[in-house]
Amino acid sequence: MRMKRILNLLRRSPNTRLGPLEQQLLSALWIRGSATVRVILDTGDIELAYTTVMTTLDRLFKKHLLNRTTEGRAFRYSPRYTQEELEKAAVGETIRQLLGPGTTAALPLSYLVEAVSEHDARLLDDLQRLLDQKRREVRSELRSKEKH
């Protein structure tokens, strides 16, 4: 269910695409768990104006990528999703768009296989194992539906 919420969030596209600063701040929060604007700036990793960081964190909050709680006169921000959850959802959405209506599915799939083999040919074996596992799951689900 959590992954479905992330996917729905990513499907709203232009509004949820992340710019470089948004990615940098999200990464900083994944490392720290939570932080205020002042905490982020005091680390020295990000050298920007307070208001720039504050506005960017607010934008990430409005994109539903961060939670925030009041802390004095400031907000403490924390990631709503783990880095792995967000990356998995983003990759899944990209693949869904590639395989979407109006495209020939074989073409993007051939690009994927080519990219995987160029990166590491051993990954093709992993891909084959995943495909075999998914086929077994789908067949099992179909048999289960036929019985009912």
N, C-alpha and C. Protein backbone atom coordinates (compact mmCIF):
# COMPACT_ATOMS: atom_id res chain seq x y z
N MET A 1 0.83 -1.20 0.00
CA MET A 1 0.00 0.00 0.00
C MET A 1 0.87 1.26 0.00
N ARG A 2 1.95 1.25 0.78
CA ARG A 2 2.85 2.39 0.86
C ARG A 2 3.47 2.67 -0.51
N MET A 3 3.87 1.60 -1.22
CA MET A 3 4.47 1.78 -2.54
C MET A 3 3.45 2.35 -3.52
N LYS A 4 2.19 1.96 -3.38
CA LYS A 4 1.14 2.49 -4.25
C LYS A 4 1.00 4.00 -4.06
N ARG A 5 1.10 4.47 -2.80
CA ARG A 5 1.03 5.92 -2.53
C ARG A 5 2.19 6.64 -3.18
N ILE A 6 3.39 6.04 -3.11
CA ILE A 6 4.57 6.68 -3.71
C ILE A 6 4.40 6.74 -5.23
N LEU A 7 3.92 5.64 -5.82
CA LEU A 7 3.71 5.62 -7.27
C LEU A 7 2.69 6.67 -7.70
N ASN A 8 1.60 6.79 -6.95
CA ASN A 8 0.60 7.81 -7.28
C ASN A 8 1.20 9.20 -7.19
N LEU A 9 2.04 9.40 -6.22
CA LEU A 9 2.72 10.67 -6.05
C LEU A 9 3.61 10.97 -7.26
N LEU A 10 4.37 9.97 -7.69
CA LEU A 10 5.27 10.17 -8.82
C LEU A 10 4.53 10.35 -10.14
N ARG A 11 3.34 9.81 -10.26
CA ARG A 11 2.56 9.93 -11.50
C ARG A 11 2.09 11.36 -11.72
N ARG A 12 2.05 12.15 -10.67
CA ARG A 12 1.63 13.55 -10.82
C ARG A 12 2.74 14.37 -11.45
N SER A 13 3.65 13.73 -12.01
CA SER A 13 4.85 14.13 -12.70
C SER A 13 5.44 15.51 -12.45
N PRO A 14 5.27 16.51 -13.37
CA PRO A 14 6.11 17.70 -13.28
C PRO A 14 6.24 18.24 -11.86
N ASN A 15 5.17 18.17 -11.08
CA ASN A 15 5.20 18.70 -9.73
C ASN A 15 6.10 17.89 -8.80
N THR A 16 6.32 16.63 -9.10
CA THR A 16 7.11 15.80 -8.19
C THR A 16 8.52 15.53 -8.70
N ARG A 17 8.86 16.02 -9.87
CA ARG A 17 10.24 15.87 -10.31
C ARG A 17 11.13 16.67 -9.38
N LEU A 18 12.30 16.12 -9.09
CA LEU A 18 13.19 16.77 -8.14
C LEU A 18 14.35 17.46 -8.84
N GLY A 19 14.57 18.71 -8.47
CA GLY A 19 15.73 19.44 -8.97
C GLY A 19 16.97 19.06 -8.16
N PRO A 20 18.14 19.53 -8.58
CA PRO A 20 19.39 19.17 -7.90
C PRO A 20 19.42 19.58 -6.42
N LEU A 21 18.93 20.77 -6.10
CA LEU A 21 18.92 21.21 -4.70
C LEU A 21 17.95 20.37 -3.87
N GLU A 22 16.79 20.06 -4.44
CA GLU A 22 15.83 19.21 -3.74
C GLU A 22 16.44 17.84 -3.46
N GLN A 23 17.14 17.28 -4.44
CA GLN A 23 17.80 15.99 -4.24
C GLN A 23 18.87 16.08 -3.16
N GLN A 24 19.63 17.15 -3.17
CA GLN A 24 20.70 17.34 -2.19
C GLN A 24 20.12 17.45 -0.77
N LEU A 25 19.05 18.21 -0.61
CA LEU A 25 18.44 18.36 0.70
C LEU A 25 17.77 17.08 1.18
N LEU A 26 17.14 16.36 0.27
CA LEU A 26 16.54 15.08 0.62
C LEU A 26 17.62 14.10 1.07
N SER A 27 18.73 14.09 0.37
CA SER A 27 19.86 13.22 0.77
C SER A 27 20.37 13.59 2.16
N ALA A 28 20.47 14.88 2.43
CA ALA A 28 20.93 15.33 3.74
C ALA A 28 19.98 14.86 4.83
N LEU A 29 18.69 14.88 4.55
CA LEU A 29 17.70 14.42 5.54
C LEU A 29 17.72 12.90 5.69
N TRP A 30 17.98 12.17 4.62
CA TRP A 30 18.10 10.71 4.74
C TRP A 30 19.28 10.35 5.64
N ILE A 31 20.36 11.10 5.54
CA ILE A 31 21.54 10.85 6.37
C ILE A 31 21.25 11.17 7.83
N ARG A 32 20.61 12.31 8.09
CA ARG A 32 20.38 12.77 9.46
C ARG A 32 19.10 12.21 10.09
N GLY A 33 18.16 11.82 9.29
CA GLY A 33 16.88 11.38 9.81
C GLY A 33 15.89 12.52 9.90
N SER A 34 16.33 13.64 10.47
CA SER A 34 15.51 14.84 10.52
C SER A 34 16.42 16.02 10.81
N ALA A 35 15.94 17.22 10.45
CA ALA A 35 16.75 18.42 10.70
C ALA A 35 15.93 19.66 10.46
N THR A 36 16.38 20.74 11.06
CA THR A 36 15.82 22.07 10.79
C THR A 36 16.70 22.71 9.71
N VAL A 37 16.25 23.82 9.17
CA VAL A 37 17.07 24.54 8.19
C VAL A 37 18.41 24.90 8.81
N ARG A 38 18.39 25.40 10.05
CA ARG A 38 19.62 25.81 10.72
C ARG A 38 20.59 24.64 10.88
N VAL A 39 20.09 23.47 11.25
CA VAL A 39 20.95 22.29 11.41
C VAL A 39 21.61 21.94 10.08
N ILE A 40 20.84 21.98 9.00
CA ILE A 40 21.39 21.66 7.68
C ILE A 40 22.48 22.65 7.30
N LEU A 41 22.23 23.93 7.53
CA LEU A 41 23.22 24.95 7.18
C LEU A 41 24.45 24.90 8.08
N ASP A 42 24.27 24.55 9.35
CA ASP A 42 25.39 24.51 10.28
C ASP A 42 26.38 23.38 9.99
N THR A 43 25.97 22.37 9.23
CA THR A 43 26.90 21.29 8.89
C THR A 43 27.96 21.78 7.92
N GLY A 44 27.66 22.83 7.16
CA GLY A 44 28.62 23.39 6.22
C GLY A 44 28.63 22.68 4.87
N ASP A 45 27.84 21.64 4.73
CA ASP A 45 27.79 20.90 3.45
C ASP A 45 27.06 21.70 2.38
N ILE A 46 26.13 22.52 2.82
CA ILE A 46 25.31 23.31 1.89
C ILE A 46 25.54 24.78 2.20
N GLU A 47 26.01 25.51 1.20
CA GLU A 47 26.30 26.93 1.40
C GLU A 47 25.33 27.77 0.58
N LEU A 48 24.13 27.92 1.14
CA LEU A 48 23.08 28.70 0.50
C LEU A 48 22.44 29.60 1.54
N ALA A 49 21.63 30.52 1.05
CA ALA A 49 20.89 31.40 1.96
C ALA A 49 19.86 30.59 2.74
N TYR A 50 19.63 30.99 3.98
CA TYR A 50 18.66 30.34 4.85
C TYR A 50 17.30 30.23 4.15
N THR A 51 16.88 31.34 3.52
CA THR A 51 15.55 31.36 2.89
C THR A 51 15.47 30.41 1.69
N THR A 52 16.59 30.21 0.99
CA THR A 52 16.61 29.28 -0.14
C THR A 52 16.38 27.85 0.34
N VAL A 53 17.07 27.47 1.40
CA VAL A 53 16.92 26.13 1.96
C VAL A 53 15.51 25.97 2.53
N MET A 54 15.03 26.99 3.24
CA MET A 54 13.69 26.94 3.83
C MET A 54 12.62 26.77 2.75
N THR A 55 12.72 27.54 1.67
CA THR A 55 11.75 27.45 0.58
C THR A 55 11.79 26.09 -0.10
N THR A 56 12.99 25.57 -0.29
CA THR A 56 13.13 24.27 -0.96
C THR A 56 12.57 23.15 -0.09
N LEU A 57 12.83 23.19 1.22
CA LEU A 57 12.26 22.18 2.11
C LEU A 57 10.74 22.28 2.14
N ASP A 58 10.22 23.50 2.12
CA ASP A 58 8.77 23.68 2.09
C ASP A 58 8.18 23.10 0.81
N ARG A 59 8.89 23.28 -0.30
CA ARG A 59 8.42 22.72 -1.58
C ARG A 59 8.41 21.19 -1.51
N LEU A 60 9.43 20.59 -0.91
CA LEU A 60 9.46 19.12 -0.76
C LEU A 60 8.33 18.65 0.15
N PHE A 61 8.02 19.44 1.17
CA PHE A 61 6.89 19.12 2.05
C PHE A 61 5.58 19.16 1.26
N LYS A 62 5.41 20.19 0.43
CA LYS A 62 4.19 20.33 -0.37
C LYS A 62 4.08 19.25 -1.44
N LYS A 63 5.20 18.66 -1.83
CA LYS A 63 5.19 17.54 -2.77
C LYS A 63 4.96 16.21 -2.05
N HIS A 64 4.72 16.30 -0.75
CA HIS A 64 4.44 15.14 0.10
C HIS A 64 5.64 14.20 0.21
N LEU A 65 6.84 14.74 0.11
CA LEU A 65 8.04 13.93 0.26
C LEU A 65 8.65 14.06 1.65
N LEU A 66 8.24 15.10 2.38
CA LEU A 66 8.74 15.31 3.73
C LEU A 66 7.59 15.45 4.72
N ASN A 67 7.87 15.08 5.95
CA ASN A 67 7.00 15.40 7.08
C ASN A 67 7.64 16.59 7.78
N ARG A 68 6.85 17.33 8.52
CA ARG A 68 7.45 18.41 9.31
C ARG A 68 6.67 18.62 10.60
N THR A 69 7.41 19.00 11.62
CA THR A 69 6.82 19.31 12.92
C THR A 69 7.36 20.66 13.36
N THR A 70 6.56 21.36 14.13
CA THR A 70 6.99 22.66 14.63
C THR A 70 8.00 22.47 15.75
N GLU A 71 9.06 23.24 15.67
CA GLU A 71 10.10 23.22 16.70
C GLU A 71 10.48 24.67 17.01
N GLY A 72 9.87 25.21 18.05
CA GLY A 72 10.06 26.63 18.34
C GLY A 72 9.42 27.45 17.24
N ARG A 73 10.23 28.34 16.63
CA ARG A 73 9.72 29.16 15.54
C ARG A 73 10.07 28.57 14.17
N ALA A 74 10.61 27.37 14.17
CA ALA A 74 11.05 26.74 12.92
C ALA A 74 10.32 25.41 12.73
N PHE A 75 10.62 24.76 11.64
CA PHE A 75 10.12 23.42 11.38
C PHE A 75 11.27 22.43 11.38
N ARG A 76 10.99 21.22 11.87
CA ARG A 76 11.93 20.10 11.75
C ARG A 76 11.35 19.21 10.67
N TYR A 77 12.17 18.94 9.66
CA TYR A 77 11.75 18.14 8.51
C TYR A 77 12.34 16.74 8.60
N SER A 78 11.57 15.77 8.11
CA SER A 78 12.06 14.38 8.02
C SER A 78 11.49 13.75 6.75
N PRO A 79 12.23 12.84 6.15
CA PRO A 79 11.74 12.20 4.92
C PRO A 79 10.51 11.34 5.20
N ARG A 80 9.54 11.41 4.32
CA ARG A 80 8.34 10.60 4.43
C ARG A 80 8.60 9.18 3.93
N TYR A 81 9.56 9.05 3.00
CA TYR A 81 9.89 7.75 2.41
C TYR A 81 11.39 7.52 2.49
N THR A 82 11.80 6.28 2.50
CA THR A 82 13.23 5.98 2.47
C THR A 82 13.75 6.23 1.06
N GLN A 83 15.05 6.33 0.96
CA GLN A 83 15.67 6.53 -0.34
C GLN A 83 15.36 5.34 -1.25
N GLU A 84 15.41 4.15 -0.71
CA GLU A 84 15.13 2.95 -1.49
C GLU A 84 13.69 2.94 -2.02
N GLU A 85 12.74 3.32 -1.17
CA GLU A 85 11.34 3.35 -1.60
C GLU A 85 11.13 4.33 -2.74
N LEU A 86 11.73 5.51 -2.62
CA LEU A 86 11.56 6.54 -3.64
C LEU A 86 12.24 6.14 -4.94
N GLU A 87 13.44 5.57 -4.85
CA GLU A 87 14.15 5.15 -6.05
C GLU A 87 13.40 4.02 -6.75
N LYS A 88 12.91 3.06 -5.98
CA LYS A 88 12.17 1.94 -6.56
C LYS A 88 10.92 2.44 -7.28
N ALA A 89 10.20 3.35 -6.65
CA ALA A 89 8.99 3.89 -7.26
C ALA A 89 9.32 4.69 -8.52
N ALA A 90 10.39 5.47 -8.48
CA ALA A 90 10.76 6.29 -9.65
C ALA A 90 11.16 5.40 -10.82
N VAL A 91 11.93 4.36 -10.56
CA VAL A 91 12.33 3.45 -11.62
C VAL A 91 11.11 2.72 -12.17
N GLY A 92 10.25 2.26 -11.29
CA GLY A 92 9.03 1.58 -11.72
C GLY A 92 8.16 2.47 -12.59
N GLU A 93 8.02 3.73 -12.21
CA GLU A 93 7.19 4.66 -12.99
C GLU A 93 7.83 4.94 -14.34
N THR A 94 9.13 5.06 -14.38
CA THR A 94 9.83 5.27 -15.65
C THR A 94 9.61 4.09 -16.60
N ILE A 95 9.72 2.89 -16.07
CA ILE A 95 9.51 1.69 -16.89
C ILE A 95 8.06 1.63 -17.36
N ARG A 96 7.10 1.95 -16.48
CA ARG A 96 5.69 1.95 -16.88
C ARG A 96 5.44 2.95 -18.02
N GLN A 97 6.09 4.11 -17.95
CA GLN A 97 5.92 5.10 -19.01
C GLN A 97 6.53 4.60 -20.32
N LEU A 98 7.67 3.92 -20.24
CA LEU A 98 8.30 3.37 -21.43
C LEU A 98 7.43 2.30 -22.09
N LEU A 99 6.75 1.52 -21.26
CA LEU A 99 5.92 0.44 -21.77
C LEU A 99 4.47 0.85 -21.96
N GLY A 100 4.21 2.13 -21.80
CA GLY A 100 2.84 2.64 -21.86
C GLY A 100 2.19 2.50 -23.22
N PRO A 101 0.96 2.96 -23.31
CA PRO A 101 0.21 2.84 -24.57
C PRO A 101 0.91 3.58 -25.71
N GLY A 102 0.79 3.00 -26.89
CA GLY A 102 1.36 3.65 -28.07
C GLY A 102 2.82 3.30 -28.31
N THR A 103 3.42 2.51 -27.44
CA THR A 103 4.80 2.11 -27.67
C THR A 103 4.86 0.62 -27.90
N THR A 104 5.85 0.21 -28.64
CA THR A 104 6.08 -1.21 -28.84
C THR A 104 6.93 -1.69 -27.69
N ALA A 105 6.36 -2.54 -26.85
CA ALA A 105 7.03 -2.95 -25.62
C ALA A 105 8.38 -3.60 -25.86
N ALA A 106 8.54 -4.30 -26.97
CA ALA A 106 9.80 -5.01 -27.22
C ALA A 106 10.98 -4.05 -27.33
N LEU A 107 10.76 -2.86 -27.86
CA LEU A 107 11.86 -1.92 -28.05
C LEU A 107 12.46 -1.46 -26.72
N PRO A 108 11.66 -0.90 -25.78
CA PRO A 108 12.25 -0.52 -24.49
C PRO A 108 12.85 -1.71 -23.75
N LEU A 109 12.23 -2.87 -23.88
CA LEU A 109 12.78 -4.05 -23.21
C LEU A 109 14.14 -4.42 -23.78
N SER A 110 14.29 -4.28 -25.09
CA SER A 110 15.59 -4.60 -25.69
C SER A 110 16.64 -3.60 -25.22
N TYR A 111 16.25 -2.32 -25.05
CA TYR A 111 17.18 -1.32 -24.52
C TYR A 111 17.60 -1.68 -23.10
N LEU A 112 16.63 -2.12 -22.31
CA LEU A 112 16.92 -2.52 -20.94
C LEU A 112 17.92 -3.67 -20.91
N VAL A 113 17.67 -4.69 -21.70
CA VAL A 113 18.57 -5.85 -21.73
C VAL A 113 19.96 -5.42 -22.18
N GLU A 114 20.02 -4.56 -23.18
CA GLU A 114 21.31 -4.08 -23.68
C GLU A 114 22.05 -3.29 -22.59
N ALA A 115 21.34 -2.40 -21.91
CA ALA A 115 21.97 -1.60 -20.85
C ALA A 115 22.46 -2.48 -19.71
N VAL A 116 21.65 -3.47 -19.33
CA VAL A 116 22.04 -4.38 -18.25
C VAL A 116 23.29 -5.15 -18.66
N SER A 117 23.32 -5.66 -19.88
CA SER A 117 24.47 -6.46 -20.31
C SER A 117 25.73 -5.61 -20.43
N GLU A 118 25.59 -4.35 -20.83
CA GLU A 118 26.75 -3.46 -20.90
C GLU A 118 27.28 -3.15 -19.51
N HIS A 119 26.37 -3.03 -18.55
CA HIS A 119 26.78 -2.71 -17.17
C HIS A 119 27.47 -3.90 -16.53
N ASP A 120 26.85 -5.05 -16.60
CA ASP A 120 27.40 -6.25 -15.98
C ASP A 120 26.63 -7.46 -16.52
N ALA A 121 27.29 -8.23 -17.35
CA ALA A 121 26.63 -9.37 -18.00
C ALA A 121 26.05 -10.35 -16.98
N ARG A 122 26.64 -10.42 -15.79
CA ARG A 122 26.11 -11.34 -14.76
C ARG A 122 24.72 -10.92 -14.31
N LEU A 123 24.39 -9.65 -14.47
CA LEU A 123 23.06 -9.19 -14.10
C LEU A 123 21.98 -9.82 -14.98
N LEU A 124 22.36 -10.25 -16.18
CA LEU A 124 21.39 -10.94 -17.04
C LEU A 124 20.90 -12.22 -16.37
N ASP A 125 21.81 -12.92 -15.66
CA ASP A 125 21.39 -14.12 -14.92
C ASP A 125 20.41 -13.75 -13.81
N ASP A 126 20.68 -12.64 -13.13
CA ASP A 126 19.76 -12.16 -12.08
C ASP A 126 18.41 -11.80 -12.69
N LEU A 127 18.45 -11.16 -13.84
CA LEU A 127 17.22 -10.79 -14.53
C LEU A 127 16.42 -12.03 -14.92
N GLN A 128 17.12 -13.06 -15.40
CA GLN A 128 16.45 -14.30 -15.78
C GLN A 128 15.80 -14.96 -14.55
N ARG A 129 16.50 -14.95 -13.43
CA ARG A 129 15.94 -15.53 -12.20
C ARG A 129 14.68 -14.77 -11.77
N LEU A 130 14.74 -13.45 -11.85
CA LEU A 130 13.57 -12.63 -11.49
C LEU A 130 12.40 -12.90 -12.43
N LEU A 131 12.69 -13.03 -13.71
CA LEU A 131 11.63 -13.34 -14.68
C LEU A 131 11.00 -14.69 -14.40
N ASP A 132 11.83 -15.68 -14.13
CA ASP A 132 11.31 -17.02 -13.83
C ASP A 132 10.44 -17.00 -12.57
N GLN A 133 10.90 -16.28 -11.55
CA GLN A 133 10.14 -16.17 -10.30
C GLN A 133 8.79 -15.49 -10.55
N LYS A 134 8.80 -14.41 -11.32
CA LYS A 134 7.57 -13.68 -11.60
C LYS A 134 6.59 -14.54 -12.42
N ARG A 135 7.12 -15.32 -13.37
CA ARG A 135 6.26 -16.23 -14.15
C ARG A 135 5.57 -17.23 -13.23
N ARG A 136 6.32 -17.79 -12.28
CA ARG A 136 5.72 -18.75 -11.34
C ARG A 136 4.63 -18.08 -10.51
N GLU A 137 4.88 -16.85 -10.06
CA GLU A 137 3.89 -16.12 -9.26
C GLU A 137 2.62 -15.86 -10.08
N VAL A 138 2.80 -15.41 -11.31
CA VAL A 138 1.64 -15.10 -12.17
C VAL A 138 0.85 -16.37 -12.44
N ARG A 139 1.52 -17.46 -12.76
CA ARG A 139 0.82 -18.73 -13.01
C ARG A 139 0.05 -19.18 -11.78
N SER A 140 0.67 -19.05 -10.63
CA SER A 140 0.01 -19.43 -9.37
C SER A 140 -1.24 -18.58 -9.13
N GLU A 141 -1.13 -17.28 -9.38
CA GLU A 141 -2.29 -16.39 -9.22
C GLU A 141 -3.40 -16.76 -10.19
N LEU A 142 -3.04 -17.07 -11.43
CA LEU A 142 -4.05 -17.46 -12.42
C LEU A 142 -4.76 -18.74 -12.02
N ARG A 143 -4.00 -19.74 -11.56
CA ARG A 143 -4.62 -21.00 -11.10
C ARG A 143 -5.54 -20.74 -9.93
N SER A 144 -5.11 -19.86 -9.03
CA SER A 144 -5.92 -19.54 -7.86
C SER A 144 -7.24 -18.88 -8.27
N LYS A 145 -7.19 -17.98 -9.25
CA LYS A 145 -8.40 -17.30 -9.73
C LYS A 145 -9.34 -18.27 -10.45
N GLU A 146 -8.75 -19.21 -11.20
CA GLU A 146 -9.56 -20.19 -11.93
C GLU A 146 -10.34 -21.10 -10.98
N LYS A 147 -9.79 -21.37 -9.81
CA LYS A 147 -10.44 -22.23 -8.83
C LYS A 147 -11.63 -21.54 -8.20
N HIS A 148 -11.64 -20.20 -8.20
CA HIS A 148 -12.71 -19.46 -7.53
C HIS A 148 -13.70 -19.01 -8.48
